C-alpha atoms as a PDB file:
ATOM      1  CA  MET A   1     -73.103 116.296  21.511  1.00  0.00           C
ATOM      2  CA  PHE A   2     -70.933 117.084  24.674  1.00  0.00           C
ATOM      3  CA  GLY A   3     -72.153 120.448  24.182  1.00  0.00           C
ATOM      4  CA  ARG A   4     -73.195 122.449  27.784  1.00  0.00           C
ATOM      5  CA  ARG A   5     -76.730 122.449  28.286  1.00  0.00           C
ATOM      6  CA  ARG A   6     -78.387 126.003  27.906  1.00  0.00           C
ATOM      7  CA  ARG A   7     -79.747 127.564  30.914  1.00  0.00           C
ATOM      8  CA  ALA A   8     -83.132 128.147  31.247  1.00  0.00           C
ATOM      9  CA  GLU A   9     -82.851 132.113  32.375  1.00  0.00           C
ATOM     10  CA  SER A  10     -82.033 134.459  29.627  1.00  0.00           C
ATOM     11  CA  ARG A  11     -78.638 136.107  29.950  1.00  0.00           C
ATOM     12  CA  PRO A  12     -78.128 140.359  29.746  1.00  0.00           C
ATOM     13  CA  ALA A  13     -76.577 141.237  26.694  1.00  0.00           C
ATOM     14  CA  ARG A  14     -72.995 141.402  26.657  1.00  0.00           C
ATOM     15  CA  ARG A  15     -70.458 143.247  23.965  1.00  0.00           C
ATOM     16  CA  ARG A  16     -68.920 141.070  21.922  1.00  0.00           C
ATOM     17  CA  TRP A  17     -64.676 141.042  21.836  1.00  0.00           C
ATOM     18  CA  ARG A  18     -62.902 140.520  18.888  1.00  0.00           C
ATOM     19  CA  ARG A  19     -60.491 137.670  19.091  1.00  0.00           C
ATOM     20  CA  ARG A  20     -56.820 138.203  19.176  1.00  0.00           C
ATOM     21  CA  GLY A  21     -55.098 137.482  16.308  1.00  0.00           C
ATOM     22  CA  ASP A  22     -57.251 139.156  14.186  1.00  0.00           C
ATOM     23  CA  GLY A  23     -57.823 142.197  12.650  1.00  0.00           C
ATOM     24  CA  GLY A  24     -57.009 144.708  15.604  1.00  0.00           C
ATOM     25  CA  ALA A  25     -55.768 142.388  17.541  1.00  0.00           C
ATOM     26  CA  THR A  26     -52.177 143.323  19.059  1.00  0.00           C
ATOM     27  CA  ARG A  27     -50.139 140.067  19.255  1.00  0.00           C
ATOM     28  CA  ALA A  28     -50.650 136.070  18.076  1.00  0.00           C
ATOM     29  CA  ASP A  29     -49.377 132.748  19.531  1.00  0.00           C
ATOM     30  CA  TYR A  30     -46.353 130.749  18.646  1.00  0.00           C
ATOM     31  CA  SER A  31     -46.361 127.317  20.121  1.00  0.00           C
ATOM     32  CA  ILE A  32     -43.489 124.785  21.636  1.00  0.00           C
ATOM     33  CA  ALA A  33     -43.957 121.783  23.303  1.00  0.00           C
ATOM     34  CA  GLY A  34     -47.882 122.972  23.335  1.00  0.00           C
ATOM     35  CA  VAL A  35     -47.122 126.425  25.323  1.00  0.00           C
ATOM     36  CA  SER A  36     -47.594 129.038  23.588  1.00  0.00           C
ATOM     37  CA  LEU A  37     -45.171 131.916  22.466  1.00  0.00           C
ATOM     38  CA  SER A  38     -44.593 135.456  20.735  1.00  0.00           C
ATOM     39  CA  VAL A  39     -41.973 135.296  18.275  1.00  0.00           C
ATOM     40  CA  SER A  40     -40.090 137.859  20.973  1.00  0.00           C
ATOM     41  CA  GLY A  41     -39.970 135.013  23.063  1.00  0.00           C
ATOM     42  CA  ILE A  42     -38.656 132.321  21.244  1.00  0.00           C
ATOM     43  CA  LEU A  43     -34.894 133.449  21.676  1.00  0.00           C
ATOM     44  CA  SER A  44     -35.259 133.536  25.222  1.00  0.00           C
ATOM     45  CA  TYR A  45     -36.583 129.783  25.028  1.00  0.00           C
ATOM     46  CA  VAL A  46     -33.517 128.566  22.733  1.00  0.00           C
ATOM     47  CA  PHE A  47     -31.113 130.199  24.974  1.00  0.00           C
ATOM     48  CA  VAL A  48     -32.535 128.469  28.102  1.00  0.00           C
ATOM     49  CA  GLN A  49     -33.315 125.351  26.670  1.00  0.00           C
ATOM     50  CA  ALA A  50     -29.776 125.139  25.177  1.00  0.00           C
ATOM     51  CA  MET A  51     -28.105 126.083  28.482  1.00  0.00           C
ATOM     52  CA  THR A  52     -29.880 123.538  30.731  1.00  0.00           C
ATOM     53  CA  GLY A  53     -30.929 120.943  27.819  1.00  0.00           C
ATOM     54  CA  SER A  54     -34.649 121.572  29.362  1.00  0.00           C
ATOM     55  CA  THR A  55     -38.115 124.345  28.970  1.00  0.00           C
ATOM     56  CA  PRO A  56     -37.918 127.408  30.562  1.00  0.00           C
ATOM     57  CA  PHE A  57     -41.876 126.416  31.386  1.00  0.00           C
ATOM     58  CA  ALA A  58     -41.532 123.414  32.998  1.00  0.00           C
ATOM     59  CA  GLU A  59     -42.683 124.375  36.139  1.00  0.00           C
ATOM     60  CA  ASP A  60     -45.931 125.846  34.130  1.00  0.00           C
ATOM     61  CA  GLN A  61     -46.935 122.133  33.298  1.00  0.00           C
ATOM     62  CA  GLN A  62     -46.899 121.309  37.089  1.00  0.00           C
ATOM     63  CA  ALA A  63     -49.448 124.107  38.006  1.00  0.00           C
ATOM     64  CA  GLY A  64     -52.587 123.080  39.894  1.00  0.00           C
ATOM     65  CA  THR A  65     -52.446 119.999  39.527  1.00  0.00           C
ATOM     66  CA  ASP A  66     -53.385 118.768  42.756  1.00  0.00           C
ATOM     67  CA  GLN A  67     -56.767 120.895  42.609  1.00  0.00           C
ATOM     68  CA  VAL A  68     -59.043 118.533  41.183  1.00  0.00           C
ATOM     69  CA  ASN A  69     -61.221 118.249  43.251  1.00  0.00           C
ATOM     70  CA  PHE A  70     -63.935 120.671  42.974  1.00  0.00           C
ATOM     71  CA  SER A  71     -67.622 120.276  41.744  1.00  0.00           C
ATOM     72  CA  THR A  72     -68.445 119.251  38.052  1.00  0.00           C
ATOM     73  CA  ALA A  73     -72.283 120.580  38.363  1.00  0.00           C
ATOM     74  CA  ALA A  74     -72.163 123.766  36.366  1.00  0.00           C
ATOM     75  CA  ALA A  75     -70.915 121.903  33.146  1.00  0.00           C
ATOM     76  CA  GLY A  76     -74.060 120.348  32.424  1.00  0.00           C
ATOM     77  CA  ASP A  77     -73.745 117.649  29.912  1.00  0.00           C
ATOM     78  CA  CYS A  78     -70.002 117.958  29.601  1.00  0.00           C
ATOM     79  CA  ASP A  79     -68.548 115.102  30.803  1.00  0.00           C
ATOM     80  CA  ARG A  80     -64.782 115.285  31.306  1.00  0.00           C
ATOM     81  CA  GLY A  81     -64.212 111.764  31.021  1.00  0.00           C
ATOM     82  CA  SER A  82     -64.778 111.828  27.346  1.00  0.00           C
ATOM     83  CA  VAL A  83     -61.597 113.618  26.629  1.00  0.00           C
ATOM     84  CA  GLN A  84     -60.386 110.996  24.195  1.00  0.00           C
ATOM     85  CA  GLN A  85     -63.381 112.448  22.017  1.00  0.00           C
ATOM     86  CA  ALA A  86     -61.411 114.713  21.192  1.00  0.00           C
ATOM     87  CA  GLU A  87     -58.044 112.734  21.863  1.00  0.00           C
ATOM     88  CA  GLY A  88     -58.586 110.943  18.326  1.00  0.00           C
ATOM     89  CA  TYR A  89     -58.097 114.534  16.303  1.00  0.00           C
ATOM     90  CA  ASP A  90     -54.952 116.737  15.557  1.00  0.00           C
ATOM     91  CA  ASN A  91     -54.339 119.991  16.533  1.00  0.00           C
ATOM     92  CA  GLY A  92     -56.724 122.594  15.333  1.00  0.00           C
ATOM     93  CA  ARG A  93     -58.947 119.198  13.520  1.00  0.00           C
ATOM     94  CA  ILE A  94     -61.648 118.474  16.453  1.00  0.00           C
ATOM     95  CA  PRO A  95     -65.009 118.880  15.589  1.00  0.00           C
ATOM     96  CA  THR A  96     -67.137 120.274  18.261  1.00  0.00           C
ATOM     97  CA  GLU A  97     -69.417 117.624  18.438  1.00  0.00           C
ATOM     98  CA  ALA A  98     -66.227 115.871  20.485  1.00  0.00           C
ATOM     99  CA  LEU A  99     -65.569 119.815  22.218  1.00  0.00           C
ATOM    100  CA  CYS A 100     -67.896 121.033  25.079  1.00  0.00           C
ATOM    101  CA  GLU A 101     -69.646 124.390  24.767  1.00  0.00           C
ATOM    102  CA  LEU A 102     -68.909 127.283  27.257  1.00  0.00           C
ATOM    103  CA  THR A 103     -70.438 130.124  28.326  1.00  0.00           C
ATOM    104  CA  GLU A 104     -70.132 132.111  25.108  1.00  0.00           C
ATOM    105  CA  GLU A 105     -71.865 130.816  22.150  1.00  0.00           C
ATOM    106  CA  GLY A 106     -70.215 129.327  19.650  1.00  0.00           C
ATOM    107  CA  GLN A 107     -67.093 128.979  22.380  1.00  0.00           C
ATOM    108  CA  TYR A 108     -65.431 125.252  23.047  1.00  0.00           C
ATOM    109  CA  LEU A 109     -62.613 123.517  24.658  1.00  0.00           C
ATOM    110  CA  ARG A 110     -61.638 119.875  25.077  1.00  0.00           C
ATOM    111  CA  ALA A 111     -64.236 118.263  27.911  1.00  0.00           C
ATOM    112  CA  ASP A 112     -61.747 117.926  31.132  1.00  0.00           C
ATOM    113  CA  ALA A 113     -60.765 121.909  30.238  1.00  0.00           C
ATOM    114  CA  ALA A 114     -64.436 123.256  29.656  1.00  0.00           C
ATOM    115  CA  VAL A 115     -65.194 121.082  33.406  1.00  0.00           C
ATOM    116  CA  ALA A 116     -62.598 123.126  34.994  1.00  0.00           C
ATOM    117  CA  PHE A 117     -63.483 126.161  33.044  1.00  0.00           C
ATOM    118  CA  LEU A 118     -67.234 126.226  33.521  1.00  0.00           C
ATOM    119  CA  ALA A 119     -66.328 125.514  37.497  1.00  0.00           C
ATOM    120  CA  MET A 120     -64.310 128.300  37.827  1.00  0.00           C
ATOM    121  CA  ASN A 121     -66.655 130.887  35.880  1.00  0.00           C
ATOM    122  CA  GLU A 122     -69.644 129.757  38.788  1.00  0.00           C
ATOM    123  CA  ARG A 123     -67.120 131.040  41.430  1.00  0.00           C
ATOM    124  CA  TYR A 124     -66.507 134.069  39.239  1.00  0.00           C
ATOM    125  CA  ARG A 125     -70.333 134.659  38.835  1.00  0.00           C
ATOM    126  CA  ASP A 126     -70.630 134.560  42.433  1.00  0.00           C
ATOM    127  CA  GLU A 127     -67.934 137.165  42.799  1.00  0.00           C
ATOM    128  CA  PHE A 128     -68.607 139.934  39.906  1.00  0.00           C
ATOM    129  CA  GLY A 129     -72.141 138.568  39.273  1.00  0.00           C
ATOM    130  CA  GLU A 130     -71.494 137.871  35.002  1.00  0.00           C
ATOM    131  CA  ASP A 131     -69.799 135.345  33.577  1.00  0.00           C
ATOM    132  CA  ILE A 132     -65.951 135.215  32.538  1.00  0.00           C
ATOM    133  CA  CYS A 133     -65.472 137.024  28.931  1.00  0.00           C
ATOM    134  CA  ILE A 134     -64.286 134.731  26.508  1.00  0.00           C
ATOM    135  CA  THR A 135     -62.455 136.704  23.450  1.00  0.00           C
ATOM    136  CA  ASP A 136     -61.334 133.484  22.078  1.00  0.00           C
ATOM    137  CA  ALA A 137     -60.980 129.390  22.868  1.00  0.00           C
ATOM    138  CA  TYR A 138     -60.479 126.360  20.783  1.00  0.00           C
ATOM    139  CA  ARG A 139     -59.523 127.529  17.336  1.00  0.00           C
ATOM    140  CA  SER A 140     -59.551 125.044  14.075  1.00  0.00           C
ATOM    141  CA  PHE A 141     -57.027 124.836  11.617  1.00  0.00           C
ATOM    142  CA  ALA A 142     -58.604 126.922   9.187  1.00  0.00           C
ATOM    143  CA  ASP A 143     -59.153 130.199  11.660  1.00  0.00           C
ATOM    144  CA  GLN A 144     -55.754 129.687  12.397  1.00  0.00           C
ATOM    145  CA  GLN A 145     -54.510 129.547   8.453  1.00  0.00           C
ATOM    146  CA  ARG A 146     -56.435 132.616   8.056  1.00  0.00           C
ATOM    147  CA  LEU A 147     -54.109 134.198  10.538  1.00  0.00           C
ATOM    148  CA  TYR A 148     -51.183 133.105   9.432  1.00  0.00           C
ATOM    149  CA  ASP A 149     -51.913 133.797   6.255  1.00  0.00           C
ATOM    150  CA  ALA A 150     -52.786 137.237   6.561  1.00  0.00           C
ATOM    151  CA  TYR A 151     -49.548 137.532   9.044  1.00  0.00           C
ATOM    152  CA  VAL A 152     -47.102 136.236   5.724  1.00  0.00           C
ATOM    153  CA  ASN A 153     -48.867 138.421   3.154  1.00  0.00           C
ATOM    154  CA  GLY A 154     -48.491 141.168   5.399  1.00  0.00           C
ATOM    155  CA  ASN A 155     -51.887 142.139   6.132  1.00  0.00           C
ATOM    156  CA  GLY A 156     -52.264 141.111   9.437  1.00  0.00           C
ATOM    157  CA  ASN A 157     -50.148 140.447  13.047  1.00  0.00           C
ATOM    158  CA  LEU A 158     -48.155 137.604  13.747  1.00  0.00           C
ATOM    159  CA  ALA A 159     -49.422 133.905  14.167  1.00  0.00           C
ATOM    160  CA  ALA A 160     -48.759 130.581  14.467  1.00  0.00           C
ATOM    161  CA  ARG A 161     -48.402 127.993  11.414  1.00  0.00           C
ATOM    162  CA  PRO A 162     -51.768 126.061  12.195  1.00  0.00           C
ATOM    163  CA  GLY A 163     -51.536 123.344  13.997  1.00  0.00           C
ATOM    164  CA  SER A 164     -49.391 123.857  16.663  1.00  0.00           C
ATOM    165  CA  SER A 165     -51.268 126.971  18.943  1.00  0.00           C
ATOM    166  CA  ASN A 166     -52.760 125.105  22.033  1.00  0.00           C
ATOM    167  CA  HIS A 167     -55.857 126.491  21.208  1.00  0.00           C
ATOM    168  CA  GLY A 168     -55.653 124.211  18.459  1.00  0.00           C
ATOM    169  CA  GLU A 169     -55.849 121.580  20.901  1.00  0.00           C
ATOM    170  CA  GLY A 170     -59.017 123.538  23.326  1.00  0.00           C
ATOM    171  CA  LEU A 171     -56.838 123.778  26.490  1.00  0.00           C
ATOM    172  CA  ALA A 172     -56.169 127.374  26.122  1.00  0.00           C
ATOM    173  CA  VAL A 173     -58.551 130.639  26.293  1.00  0.00           C
ATOM    174  CA  ASP A 174     -58.139 134.458  25.827  1.00  0.00           C
ATOM    175  CA  LEU A 175     -60.393 136.241  27.983  1.00  0.00           C
ATOM    176  CA  CYS A 176     -61.811 139.686  28.134  1.00  0.00           C
ATOM    177  CA  GLY A 177     -64.117 141.490  30.685  1.00  0.00           C
ATOM    178  CA  GLY A 178     -60.856 142.944  32.380  1.00  0.00           C
ATOM    179  CA  VAL A 179     -58.652 139.865  32.579  1.00  0.00           C
ATOM    180  CA  GLU A 180     -57.495 140.924  29.411  1.00  0.00           C
ATOM    181  CA  ASN A 181     -55.632 143.873  31.502  1.00  0.00           C
ATOM    182  CA  PHE A 182     -52.948 143.137  33.963  1.00  0.00           C
ATOM    183  CA  GLY A 183     -53.950 145.099  37.297  1.00  0.00           C
ATOM    184  CA  THR A 184     -57.819 145.065  37.380  1.00  0.00           C
ATOM    185  CA  GLU A 185     -59.774 143.951  39.896  1.00  0.00           C
ATOM    186  CA  GLN A 186     -61.073 140.431  37.216  1.00  0.00           C
ATOM    187  CA  HIS A 187     -57.403 139.601  36.359  1.00  0.00           C
ATOM    188  CA  GLU A 188     -56.105 139.800  39.997  1.00  0.00           C
ATOM    189  CA  TRP A 189     -58.812 137.306  40.578  1.00  0.00           C
ATOM    190  CA  MET A 190     -57.900 135.190  38.425  1.00  0.00           C
ATOM    191  CA  ARG A 191     -54.882 134.939  39.542  1.00  0.00           C
ATOM    192  CA  ALA A 192     -55.341 133.739  43.182  1.00  0.00           C
ATOM    193  CA  ASN A 193     -58.575 131.429  41.637  1.00  0.00           C
ATOM    194  CA  ALA A 194     -57.527 130.033  38.682  1.00  0.00           C
ATOM    195  CA  ASN A 195     -55.363 127.622  39.940  1.00  0.00           C
ATOM    196  CA  ASP A 196     -57.577 125.734  41.925  1.00  0.00           C
ATOM    197  CA  PHE A 197     -59.639 124.925  38.959  1.00  0.00           C
ATOM    198  CA  ASN A 198     -56.335 123.419  36.937  1.00  0.00           C
ATOM    199  CA  TRP A 199     -56.645 126.980  35.384  1.00  0.00           C
ATOM    200  CA  PHE A 200     -52.964 128.830  35.014  1.00  0.00           C
ATOM    201  CA  HIS A 201     -51.008 132.133  33.970  1.00  0.00           C
ATOM    202  CA  PRO A 202     -47.922 130.624  31.605  1.00  0.00           C
ATOM    203  CA  THR A 203     -44.867 132.176  33.121  1.00  0.00           C
ATOM    204  CA  TRP A 204     -43.995 133.611  29.901  1.00  0.00           C
ATOM    205  CA  ALA A 205     -47.239 135.418  29.672  1.00  0.00           C
ATOM    206  CA  GLN A 206     -47.089 137.218  33.128  1.00  0.00           C
ATOM    207  CA  GLU A 207     -46.974 141.122  33.840  1.00  0.00           C
ATOM    208  CA  GLY A 208     -43.173 142.404  33.094  1.00  0.00           C
ATOM    209  CA  LYS A 209     -42.056 140.015  30.449  1.00  0.00           C
ATOM    210  CA  SER A 210     -41.290 140.696  26.822  1.00  0.00           C
ATOM    211  CA  THR A 211     -44.095 138.397  25.850  1.00  0.00           C
ATOM    212  CA  SER A 212     -46.603 139.715  28.389  1.00  0.00           C
ATOM    213  CA  GLU A 213     -50.258 138.778  27.802  1.00  0.00           C
ATOM    214  CA  ALA A 214     -52.644 139.323  30.310  1.00  0.00           C
ATOM    215  CA  TRP A 215     -55.182 137.610  28.507  1.00  0.00           C
ATOM    216  CA  HIS A 216     -53.639 134.367  27.354  1.00  0.00           C
ATOM    217  CA  TRP A 217     -54.801 130.880  30.304  1.00  0.00           C
ATOM    218  CA  GLU A 218     -54.188 127.863  29.817  1.00  0.00           C
ATOM    219  CA  TYR A 219     -55.360 124.346  31.448  1.00  0.00           C
ATOM    220  CA  THR A 220     -53.064 121.889  32.875  1.00  0.00           C
ATOM    221  CA  ASN A 221     -54.094 119.081  31.278  1.00  0.00           C
ATOM    222  CA  ALA A 222     -53.733 117.420  35.305  1.00  0.00           C
ATOM    223  CA  ILE A 223     -57.300 115.409  34.993  1.00  0.00           C
ATOM    224  CA  GLN A 224     -57.136 112.646  33.481  1.00  0.00           C
ATOM    225  CA  ALA A 225     -59.942 110.735  32.083  1.00  0.00           C
END
């Protein structure tokens, strides 16, 4: 298993946060060409694509592509070269053995995304004295199906069809602990530092957009095995 080696020291108890897209959440993601969207952003996406022939989020795919020289010491047993372990599976069908566990128990990402996230977490801990709070990372097909079924039946919030979310590829996280709110010290830290580790806040999710999601961050897929 490519899980992260446990730290010997004990960690303080942390409040468990509910997943966005679960009951009590305010929105869920759609995904077009690997980019998450709330439904209110889909019309804008279609319009821009029709007018220009290209995705309106192309600039996001280049974010952080030069920032790959960070330390991998925080990753423990997680080897970013093991990306192929996950790439052989469909969206939402990746076994946890092919992913790397993060600082939040039960939260996983693809190896390259995890190595970068864990390195970023080290810098975050130096600043705030605690790990980055994670609401959701890799999301299984079954979890996405549950969210989607609840939406279709009128018992839940809007959710993407199973197999279409970048969470299902292990390349996105939803964060908490202050990051989920615009203007907080934690959110501003992420804006200033995430790009150093190939993580970014996509344009569609930024403050002032109809699709704004302060909590949603994506990995650029810049590191190749």
